[in-house]
PDB file of N, CA and C in Angstrom:
ATOM      1  N   UNK A   1      17.046  15.615 -63.800  1.00  0.00           N
ATOM      2  CA  UNK A   1      17.131  16.087 -62.468  1.00  0.00           C
ATOM      3  C   UNK A   1      17.330  17.919 -62.279  1.00  0.00           C
ATOM      4  N   UNK A   2      17.501  18.097 -61.009  1.00  0.00           N
ATOM      5  CA  UNK A   2      17.940  19.348 -61.016  1.00  0.00           C
ATOM      6  C   UNK A   2      18.944  20.184 -61.047  1.00  0.00           C
ATOM      7  N   UNK A   3      19.973  19.539 -61.616  1.00  0.00           N
ATOM      8  CA  UNK A   3      21.206  20.138 -61.716  1.00  0.00           C
ATOM      9  C   UNK A   3      21.287  21.067 -63.325  1.00  0.00           C
ATOM     10  N   UNK A   4      21.226  22.299 -62.789  1.00  0.00           N
ATOM     11  CA  UNK A   4      21.277  23.280 -63.824  1.00  0.00           C
ATOM     12  C   UNK A   4      22.626  23.615 -64.598  1.00  0.00           C
ATOM     13  N   UNK A   5      22.443  23.439 -66.333  1.00  0.00           N
ATOM     14  CA  UNK A   5      23.959  23.492 -66.657  1.00  0.00           C
ATOM     15  C   UNK A   5      24.014  24.758 -67.014  1.00  0.00           C
ATOM     16  N   UNK A   6      25.143  24.987 -66.425  1.00  0.00           N
ATOM     17  CA  UNK A   6      25.310  26.934 -66.703  1.00  0.00           C
ATOM     18  C   UNK A   6      26.889  27.032 -66.679  1.00  0.00           C
ATOM     19  N   UNK A   7      26.917  27.916 -67.475  1.00  0.00           N
ATOM     20  CA  UNK A   7      28.459  27.987 -67.687  1.00  0.00           C
ATOM     21  C   UNK A   7      28.804  29.391 -66.437  1.00  0.00           C
ATOM     22  N   UNK A   8      29.745  29.283 -65.745  1.00  0.00           N
ATOM     23  CA  UNK A   8      30.405  30.239 -65.134  1.00  0.00           C
ATOM     24  C   UNK A   8      31.208  31.321 -65.492  1.00  0.00           C
ATOM     25  N   UNK A   9      30.223  32.424 -65.378  1.00  0.00           N
ATOM     26  CA  UNK A   9      30.604  33.699 -65.883  1.00  0.00           C
ATOM     27  C   UNK A   9      31.103  34.512 -65.070  1.00  0.00           C
ATOM     28  N   UNK A  10      30.543  34.804 -63.770  1.00  0.00           N
ATOM     29  CA  UNK A  10      30.713  35.582 -62.572  1.00  0.00           C
ATOM     30  C   UNK A  10      29.274  36.843 -62.717  1.00  0.00           C
ATOM     31  N   UNK A  11      28.346  36.274 -63.437  1.00  0.00           N
ATOM     32  CA  UNK A  11      27.058  37.334 -63.443  1.00  0.00           C
ATOM     33  C   UNK A  11      25.933  36.411 -63.170  1.00  0.00           C
ATOM     34  N   UNK A  12      25.129  37.129 -62.118  1.00  0.00           N
ATOM     35  CA  UNK A  12      23.599  36.392 -61.717  1.00  0.00           C
ATOM     36  C   UNK A  12      22.171  36.977 -62.530  1.00  0.00           C
ATOM     37  N   UNK A  13      22.497  36.204 -63.951  1.00  0.00           N
ATOM     38  CA  UNK A  13      22.013  36.654 -64.838  1.00  0.00           C
ATOM     39  C   UNK A  13      20.487  35.645 -64.899  1.00  0.00           C
ATOM     40  N   UNK A  14      19.870  36.118 -65.999  1.00  0.00           N
ATOM     41  CA  UNK A  14      18.551  35.477 -66.170  1.00  0.00           C
ATOM     42  C   UNK A  14      18.643  34.010 -65.887  1.00  0.00           C
ATOM     43  N   UNK A  15      19.704  33.254 -66.748  1.00  0.00           N
ATOM     44  CA  UNK A  15      19.839  31.953 -66.031  1.00  0.00           C
ATOM     45  C   UNK A  15      19.685  31.306 -65.309  1.00  0.00           C
ATOM     46  N   UNK A  16      20.558  32.175 -64.339  1.00  0.00           N
ATOM     47  CA  UNK A  16      20.854  31.446 -62.688  1.00  0.00           C
ATOM     48  C   UNK A  16      19.636  31.825 -62.024  1.00  0.00           C
ATOM     49  N   UNK A  17      19.193  32.714 -62.498  1.00  0.00           N
ATOM     50  CA  UNK A  17      17.751  33.328 -61.456  1.00  0.00           C
ATOM     51  C   UNK A  17      16.836  32.185 -61.586  1.00  0.00           C
ATOM     52  N   UNK A  18      16.936  31.724 -63.011  1.00  0.00           N
ATOM     53  CA  UNK A  18      15.720  30.654 -63.147  1.00  0.00           C
ATOM     54  C   UNK A  18      16.280  29.344 -62.601  1.00  0.00           C
ATOM     55  N   UNK A  19      17.529  28.906 -62.857  1.00  0.00           N
ATOM     56  CA  UNK A  19      17.840  27.784 -62.224  1.00  0.00           C
ATOM     57  C   UNK A  19      17.813  27.532 -60.481  1.00  0.00           C
ATOM     58  N   UNK A  20      17.998  28.952 -59.723  1.00  0.00           N
ATOM     59  CA  UNK A  20      17.774  28.724 -58.656  1.00  0.00           C
ATOM     60  C   UNK A  20      16.208  29.061 -58.118  1.00  0.00           C
ATOM     61  N   UNK A  21      15.275  29.677 -59.054  1.00  0.00           N
ATOM     62  CA  UNK A  21      13.782  29.318 -58.818  1.00  0.00           C
ATOM     63  C   UNK A  21      13.612  28.252 -59.231  1.00  0.00           C
ATOM     64  N   UNK A  22      14.059  27.408 -60.243  1.00  0.00           N
ATOM     65  CA  UNK A  22      13.291  25.745 -59.822  1.00  0.00           C
ATOM     66  C   UNK A  22      14.179  25.186 -58.790  1.00  0.00           C
ATOM     67  N   UNK A  23      15.202  25.397 -58.425  1.00  0.00           N
ATOM     68  CA  UNK A  23      15.634  24.316 -57.221  1.00  0.00           C
ATOM     69  C   UNK A  23      14.542  25.308 -56.155  1.00  0.00           C
ATOM     70  N   UNK A  24      14.380  26.347 -55.673  1.00  0.00           N
ATOM     71  CA  UNK A  24      13.693  26.554 -54.285  1.00  0.00           C
ATOM     72  C   UNK A  24      12.194  26.249 -54.967  1.00  0.00           C
ATOM     73  N   UNK A  25      11.801  26.229 -56.166  1.00  0.00           N
ATOM     74  CA  UNK A  25       9.972  25.411 -56.281  1.00  0.00           C
ATOM     75  C   UNK A  25      10.195  23.734 -55.849  1.00  0.00           C
ATOM     76  N   UNK A  26      11.234  23.099 -55.970  1.00  0.00           N
ATOM     77  CA  UNK A  26      11.729  21.498 -56.014  1.00  0.00           C
ATOM     78  C   UNK A  26      11.490  21.648 -54.368  1.00  0.00           C
ATOM     79  N   UNK A  27      12.106  22.300 -54.136  1.00  0.00           N
ATOM     80  CA  UNK A  27      12.378  22.174 -52.293  1.00  0.00           C
ATOM     81  C   UNK A  27      10.804  23.072 -51.545  1.00  0.00           C
ATOM     82  N   UNK A  28      10.125  23.252 -52.515  1.00  0.00           N
ATOM     83  CA  UNK A  28       8.899  24.005 -51.566  1.00  0.00           C
ATOM     84  C   UNK A  28       8.952  25.081 -51.127  1.00  0.00           C
ATOM     85  N   UNK A  29      10.427  26.059 -51.494  1.00  0.00           N
ATOM     86  CA  UNK A  29      10.330  27.421 -50.809  1.00  0.00           C
ATOM     87  C   UNK A  29       9.432  28.348 -51.660  1.00  0.00           C
ATOM     88  N   UNK A  30       9.353  29.386 -51.260  1.00  0.00           N
ATOM     89  CA  UNK A  30       9.161  30.809 -52.218  1.00  0.00           C
ATOM     90  C   UNK A  30       9.950  30.681 -53.116  1.00  0.00           C
ATOM     91  N   UNK A  31       9.874  30.559 -54.554  1.00  0.00           N
ATOM     92  CA  UNK A  31      10.332  30.379 -55.831  1.00  0.00           C
ATOM     93  C   UNK A  31      10.559  31.557 -56.539  1.00  0.00           C
ATOM     94  N   UNK A  32      11.303  32.723 -55.734  1.00  0.00           N
ATOM     95  CA  UNK A  32      11.625  33.878 -56.055  1.00  0.00           C
ATOM     96  C   UNK A  32      12.989  34.242 -57.055  1.00  0.00           C
ATOM     97  N   UNK A  33      13.500  33.300 -56.871  1.00  0.00           N
ATOM     98  CA  UNK A  33      15.005  33.029 -57.705  1.00  0.00           C
ATOM     99  C   UNK A  33      15.881  34.413 -56.737  1.00  0.00           C
ATOM    100  N   UNK A  34      15.962  34.151 -55.950  1.00  0.00           N
ATOM    101  CA  UNK A  34      16.720  35.169 -55.225  1.00  0.00           C
ATOM    102  C   UNK A  34      17.040  34.244 -54.203  1.00  0.00           C
ATOM    103  N   UNK A  35      18.483  34.589 -53.882  1.00  0.00           N
ATOM    104  CA  UNK A  35      19.363  33.545 -52.557  1.00  0.00           C
ATOM    105  C   UNK A  35      18.748  34.028 -51.412  1.00  0.00           C
ATOM    106  N   UNK A  36      17.931  33.380 -51.037  1.00  0.00           N
ATOM    107  CA  UNK A  36      17.871  34.366 -49.457  1.00  0.00           C
ATOM    108  C   UNK A  36      18.437  33.290 -48.460  1.00  0.00           C
ATOM    109  N   UNK A  37      18.470  33.269 -47.277  1.00  0.00           N
ATOM    110  CA  UNK A  37      19.477  32.833 -46.016  1.00  0.00           C
ATOM    111  C   UNK A  37      18.942  31.215 -46.605  1.00  0.00           C
ATOM    112  N   UNK A  38      17.383  30.767 -46.268  1.00  0.00           N
ATOM    113  CA  UNK A  38      17.213  29.522 -46.203  1.00  0.00           C
ATOM    114  C   UNK A  38      17.260  28.924 -47.928  1.00  0.00           C
ATOM    115  N   UNK A  39      17.823  29.399 -48.858  1.00  0.00           N
ATOM    116  CA  UNK A  39      18.239  28.839 -49.910  1.00  0.00           C
ATOM    117  C   UNK A  39      19.617  28.231 -49.782  1.00  0.00           C
ATOM    118  N   UNK A  40      20.225  29.246 -49.398  1.00  0.00           N
ATOM    119  CA  UNK A  40      21.704  29.371 -48.993  1.00  0.00           C
ATOM    120  C   UNK A  40      21.807  28.622 -48.441  1.00  0.00           C
ATOM    121  N   UNK A  41      21.259  28.330 -47.271  1.00  0.00           N
ATOM    122  CA  UNK A  41      21.624  27.372 -46.180  1.00  0.00           C
ATOM    123  C   UNK A  41      21.470  26.057 -46.866  1.00  0.00           C
ATOM    124  N   UNK A  42      20.487  25.539 -47.673  1.00  0.00           N
ATOM    125  CA  UNK A  42      20.266  24.458 -48.336  1.00  0.00           C
ATOM    126  C   UNK A  42      21.508  23.963 -49.699  1.00  0.00           C
ATOM    127  N   UNK A  43      21.789  25.408 -50.397  1.00  0.00           N
ATOM    128  CA  UNK A  43      23.007  25.203 -51.115  1.00  0.00           C
ATOM    129  C   UNK A  43      23.959  24.485 -50.879  1.00  0.00           C
ATOM    130  N   UNK A  44      24.509  24.978 -49.486  1.00  0.00           N
ATOM    131  CA  UNK A  44      25.469  24.883 -48.989  1.00  0.00           C
ATOM    132  C   UNK A  44      25.858  23.762 -48.014  1.00  0.00           C
ATOM    133  N   UNK A  45      24.529  23.161 -47.613  1.00  0.00           N
ATOM    134  CA  UNK A  45      24.695  22.409 -46.430  1.00  0.00           C
ATOM    135  C   UNK A  45      25.867  21.211 -46.477  1.00  0.00           C
ATOM    136  N   UNK A  46      26.377  20.684 -47.495  1.00  0.00           N
ATOM    137  CA  UNK A  46      27.409  19.496 -47.427  1.00  0.00           C
ATOM    138  C   UNK A  46      28.620  20.286 -48.260  1.00  0.00           C
ATOM    139  N   UNK A  47      28.543  21.593 -48.388  1.00  0.00           N
ATOM    140  CA  UNK A  47      29.894  22.036 -48.842  1.00  0.00           C
ATOM    141  C   UNK A  47      30.674  22.884 -47.868  1.00  0.00           C
ATOM    142  N   UNK A  48      31.907  23.012 -47.501  1.00  0.00           N
ATOM    143  CA  UNK A  48      32.704  23.858 -46.814  1.00  0.00           C
ATOM    144  C   UNK A  48      33.267  24.991 -47.791  1.00  0.00           C
ATOM    145  N   UNK A  49      32.446  26.303 -47.814  1.00  0.00           N
ATOM    146  CA  UNK A  49      33.090  27.219 -48.444  1.00  0.00           C
ATOM    147  C   UNK A  49      33.809  28.417 -47.569  1.00  0.00           C
ATOM    148  N   UNK A  50      34.671  28.696 -48.187  1.00  0.00           N
ATOM    149  CA  UNK A  50      35.613  29.948 -47.332  1.00  0.00           C
ATOM    150  C   UNK A  50      34.688  31.267 -47.505  1.00  0.00           C
ATOM    151  N   UNK A  51      33.937  31.689 -46.627  1.00  0.00           N
ATOM    152  CA  UNK A  51      33.413  32.820 -46.592  1.00  0.00           C
ATOM    153  C   UNK A  51      33.666  33.691 -45.885  1.00  0.00           C
ATOM    154  N   UNK A  52      34.442  34.787 -46.143  1.00  0.00           N
ATOM    155  CA  UNK A  52      34.723  36.016 -45.376  1.00  0.00           C
ATOM    156  C   UNK A  52      34.454  37.656 -46.007  1.00  0.00           C
ATOM    157  N   UNK A  53      34.786  38.144 -44.890  1.00  0.00           N
ATOM    158  CA  UNK A  53      34.576  39.732 -44.960  1.00  0.00           C
ATOM    159  C   UNK A  53      35.450  40.829 -45.753  1.00  0.00           C
ATOM    160  N   UNK A  54      35.390  40.966 -46.930  1.00  0.00           N
ATOM    161  CA  UNK A  54      36.197  41.765 -47.544  1.00  0.00           C
ATOM    162  C   UNK A  54      35.930  43.589 -47.931  1.00  0.00           C
ATOM    163  N   UNK A  55      37.338  43.881 -47.122  1.00  0.00           N
ATOM    164  CA  UNK A  55      36.810  45.579 -47.306  1.00  0.00           C
ATOM    165  C   UNK A  55      37.606  45.977 -48.523  1.00  0.00           C
ATOM    166  N   UNK A  56      37.647  46.848 -49.561  1.00  0.00           N
ATOM    167  CA  UNK A  56      38.219  47.482 -50.524  1.00  0.00           C
ATOM    168  C   UNK A  56      38.112  48.996 -50.385  1.00  0.00           C
ATOM    169  N   UNK A  57      38.804  49.570 -49.079  1.00  0.00           N
ATOM    170  CA  UNK A  57      38.656  51.160 -49.414  1.00  0.00           C
ATOM    171  C   UNK A  57      40.405  51.642 -49.422  1.00  0.00           C
ATOM    172  N   UNK A  58      40.431  52.621 -50.916  1.00  0.00           N
ATOM    173  CA  UNK A  58      41.689  52.808 -50.638  1.00  0.00           C
ATOM    174  C   UNK A  58      41.675  54.277 -50.363  1.00  0.00           C
ATOM    175  N   UNK A  59      40.893  55.192 -50.546  1.00  0.00           N
ATOM    176  CA  UNK A  59      41.124  56.761 -50.186  1.00  0.00           C
ATOM    177  C   UNK A  59      41.065  56.976 -48.341  1.00  0.00           C
ATOM    178  N   UNK A  60      41.476  58.051 -48.384  1.00  0.00           N
ATOM    179  CA  UNK A  60      41.135  59.039 -46.890  1.00  0.00           C
ATOM    180  C   UNK A  60      39.945  59.358 -46.460  1.00  0.00           C
ATOM    181  N   UNK A  61      38.972  58.537 -47.054  1.00  0.00           N
ATOM    182  CA  UNK A  61      36.813  58.899 -46.728  1.00  0.00           C
ATOM    183  C   UNK A  61      37.309  58.796 -45.423  1.00  0.00           C
ATOM    184  N   UNK A  62      36.079  59.982 -44.697  1.00  0.00           N
ATOM    185  CA  UNK A  62      35.947  59.808 -43.607  1.00  0.00           C
ATOM    186  C   UNK A  62      34.416  60.180 -43.209  1.00  0.00           C
ATOM    187  N   UNK A  63      33.677  59.344 -42.058  1.00  0.00           N
ATOM    188  CA  UNK A  63      32.595  59.417 -41.806  1.00  0.00           C
ATOM    189  C   UNK A  63      32.257  60.468 -41.413  1.00  0.00           C
ATOM    190  N   UNK A  64      30.815  60.861 -41.174  1.00  0.00           N
ATOM    191  CA  UNK A  64      30.670  62.532 -40.419  1.00  0.00           C
ATOM    192  C   UNK A  64      31.104  62.578 -39.421  1.00  0.00           C
ATOM    193  N   UNK A  65      31.602  61.605 -38.063  1.00  0.00           N
ATOM    194  CA  UNK A  65      32.277  61.537 -37.049  1.00  0.00           C
ATOM    195  C   UNK A  65      33.512  62.232 -37.398  1.00  0.00           C
ATOM    196  N   UNK A  66      34.165  62.206 -38.626  1.00  0.00           N
ATOM    197  CA  UNK A  66      35.301  62.168 -38.850  1.00  0.00           C
ATOM    198  C   UNK A  66      36.688  60.860 -38.656  1.00  0.00           C
ATOM    199  N   UNK A  67      36.118  59.821 -38.417  1.00  0.00           N
ATOM    200  CA  UNK A  67      36.577  58.854 -38.503  1.00  0.00           C
ATOM    201  C   UNK A  67      37.186  57.894 -40.148  1.00  0.00           C
ATOM    202  N   UNK A  68      38.288  57.747 -40.101  1.00  0.00           N
ATOM    203  CA  UNK A  68      38.506  56.963 -41.193  1.00  0.00           C
ATOM    204  C   UNK A  68      37.109  56.056 -41.540  1.00  0.00           C
ATOM    205  N   UNK A  69      36.808  56.141 -42.691  1.00  0.00           N
ATOM    206  CA  UNK A  69      35.727  54.573 -43.219  1.00  0.00           C
ATOM    207  C   UNK A  69      35.877  53.868 -42.897  1.00  0.00           C
ATOM    208  N   UNK A  70      37.239  53.337 -43.458  1.00  0.00           N
ATOM    209  CA  UNK A  70      37.954  52.085 -43.556  1.00  0.00           C
ATOM    210  C   UNK A  70      38.432  51.175 -42.294  1.00  0.00           C
ATOM    211  N   UNK A  71      38.557  52.448 -41.194  1.00  0.00           N
ATOM    212  CA  UNK A  71      38.264  51.666 -39.857  1.00  0.00           C
ATOM    213  C   UNK A  71      36.865  51.642 -39.092  1.00  0.00           C
ATOM    214  N   UNK A  72      36.189  52.390 -39.400  1.00  0.00           N
ATOM    215  CA  UNK A  72      34.600  52.190 -39.311  1.00  0.00           C
ATOM    216  C   UNK A  72      34.118  51.095 -39.606  1.00  0.00           C
ATOM    217  N   UNK A  73      34.242  50.392 -41.186  1.00  0.00           N
ATOM    218  CA  UNK A  73      33.953  49.144 -41.757  1.00  0.00           C
ATOM    219  C   UNK A  73      34.403  48.251 -40.899  1.00  0.00           C
ATOM    220  N   UNK A  74      35.365  48.121 -40.298  1.00  0.00           N
ATOM    221  CA  UNK A  74      36.322  47.178 -39.765  1.00  0.00           C
ATOM    222  C   UNK A  74      35.894  46.707 -38.602  1.00  0.00           C
ATOM    223  N   UNK A  75      36.028  47.871 -38.136  1.00  0.00           N
ATOM    224  CA  UNK A  75      35.263  47.641 -36.019  1.00  0.00           C
ATOM    225  C   UNK A  75      34.120  47.229 -36.334  1.00  0.00           C
ATOM    226  N   UNK A  76      32.805  47.614 -37.402  1.00  0.00           N
ATOM    227  CA  UNK A  76      31.878  47.006 -37.466  1.00  0.00           C
ATOM    228  C   UNK A  76      31.530  45.208 -37.533  1.00  0.00           C
ATOM    229  N   UNK A  77      32.432  45.036 -38.653  1.00  0.00           N
ATOM    230  CA  UNK A  77      32.406  43.688 -38.892  1.00  0.00           C
ATOM    231  C   UNK A  77      33.302  42.899 -37.706  1.00  0.00           C
ATOM    232  N   UNK A  78      33.954  43.999 -37.003  1.00  0.00           N
ATOM    233  CA  UNK A  78      34.476  42.709 -35.589  1.00  0.00           C
ATOM    234  C   UNK A  78      33.374  42.514 -34.926  1.00  0.00           C
ATOM    235  N   UNK A  79      32.716  43.751 -34.683  1.00  0.00           N
ATOM    236  CA  UNK A  79      32.074  43.541 -33.499  1.00  0.00           C
ATOM    237  C   UNK A  79      30.952  42.716 -33.767  1.00  0.00           C
ATOM    238  N   UNK A  80      30.530  42.347 -35.232  1.00  0.00           N
ATOM    239  CA  UNK A  80      29.409  41.576 -35.531  1.00  0.00           C
ATOM    240  C   UNK A  80      30.150  39.825 -35.406  1.00  0.00           C
ATOM    241  N   UNK A  81      31.103  39.793 -35.142  1.00  0.00           N
ATOM    242  CA  UNK A  81      32.019  38.641 -35.217  1.00  0.00           C
ATOM    243  C   UNK A  81      32.917  38.260 -36.216  1.00  0.00           C
ATOM    244  N   UNK A  82      33.064  39.172 -36.882  1.00  0.00           N
ATOM    245  CA  UNK A  82      33.454  38.942 -38.408  1.00  0.00           C
ATOM    246  C   UNK A  82      34.962  39.165 -38.657  1.00  0.00           C
ATOM    247  N   UNK A  83      35.763  38.686 -39.000  1.00  0.00           N
ATOM    248  CA  UNK A  83      37.062  38.871 -39.213  1.00  0.00           C
ATOM    249  C   UNK A  83      37.512  39.537 -40.769  1.00  0.00           C
ATOM    250  N   UNK A  84      37.680  40.562 -41.020  1.00  0.00           N
ATOM    251  CA  UNK A  84      37.376  41.295 -42.133  1.00  0.00           C
ATOM    252  C   UNK A  84      39.017  41.148 -42.697  1.00  0.00           C
ATOM    253  N   UNK A  85      39.002  40.872 -44.251  1.00  0.00           N
ATOM    254  CA  UNK A  85      40.286  41.479 -44.772  1.00  0.00           C
ATOM    255  C   UNK A  85      40.038  42.654 -45.734  1.00  0.00           C
ATOM    256  N   UNK A  86      41.233  43.328 -45.233  1.00  0.00           N
ATOM    257  CA  UNK A  86      40.788  44.920 -46.029  1.00  0.00           C
ATOM    258  C   UNK A  86      42.009  44.461 -47.120  1.00  0.00           C
ATOM    259  N   UNK A  87      42.203  45.397 -48.266  1.00  0.00           N
ATOM    260  CA  UNK A  87      43.250  45.514 -49.085  1.00  0.00           C
ATOM    261  C   UNK A  87      43.708  46.654 -49.565  1.00  0.00           C
ATOM    262  N   UNK A  88      42.906  48.144 -49.092  1.00  0.00           N
ATOM    263  CA  UNK A  88      42.842  49.095 -49.236  1.00  0.00           C
ATOM    264  C   UNK A  88      43.343  49.642 -50.522  1.00  0.00           C
ATOM    265  N   UNK A  89      42.444  48.768 -51.411  1.00  0.00           N
ATOM    266  CA  UNK A  89      42.292  49.653 -53.068  1.00  0.00           C
ATOM    267  C   UNK A  89      43.054  48.431 -53.907  1.00  0.00           C
ATOM    268  N   UNK A  90      43.580  47.399 -53.518  1.00  0.00           N
ATOM    269  CA  UNK A  90      44.604  46.685 -54.421  1.00  0.00           C
ATOM    270  C   UNK A  90      43.257  45.455 -55.349  1.00  0.00           C
ATOM    271  N   UNK A  91      42.274  45.685 -55.353  1.00  0.00           N
ATOM    272  CA  UNK A  91      41.925  44.603 -55.675  1.00  0.00           C
ATOM    273  C   UNK A  91      40.979  44.688 -57.070  1.00  0.00           C
ATOM    274  N   UNK A  92      41.136  45.797 -57.588  1.00  0.00           N
ATOM    275  CA  UNK A  92      40.928  46.759 -58.915  1.00  0.00           C
ATOM    276  C   UNK A  92      41.472  45.797 -59.995  1.00  0.00           C
TER     277      UNK A  92
END
């Protein structure tokens, strides 16, 4: 079968890349080993995954226009239809 026997370790290493490439080859995709949009859609078509935009900005970094980068990033994601989660540096 197609099911890869991988240990979840949080890394996209060579074994994961090979498993993705085999998956893509099986479904006659370009088998690059990279999870592109077409691959992701097929991998997740029967699974409901919570996917969200996450912003982790701690300092008072500003854009060249003088806006806080965090505000700029949040607004950009909202403009694109997202609902970003902002942590303010607490994810480390």
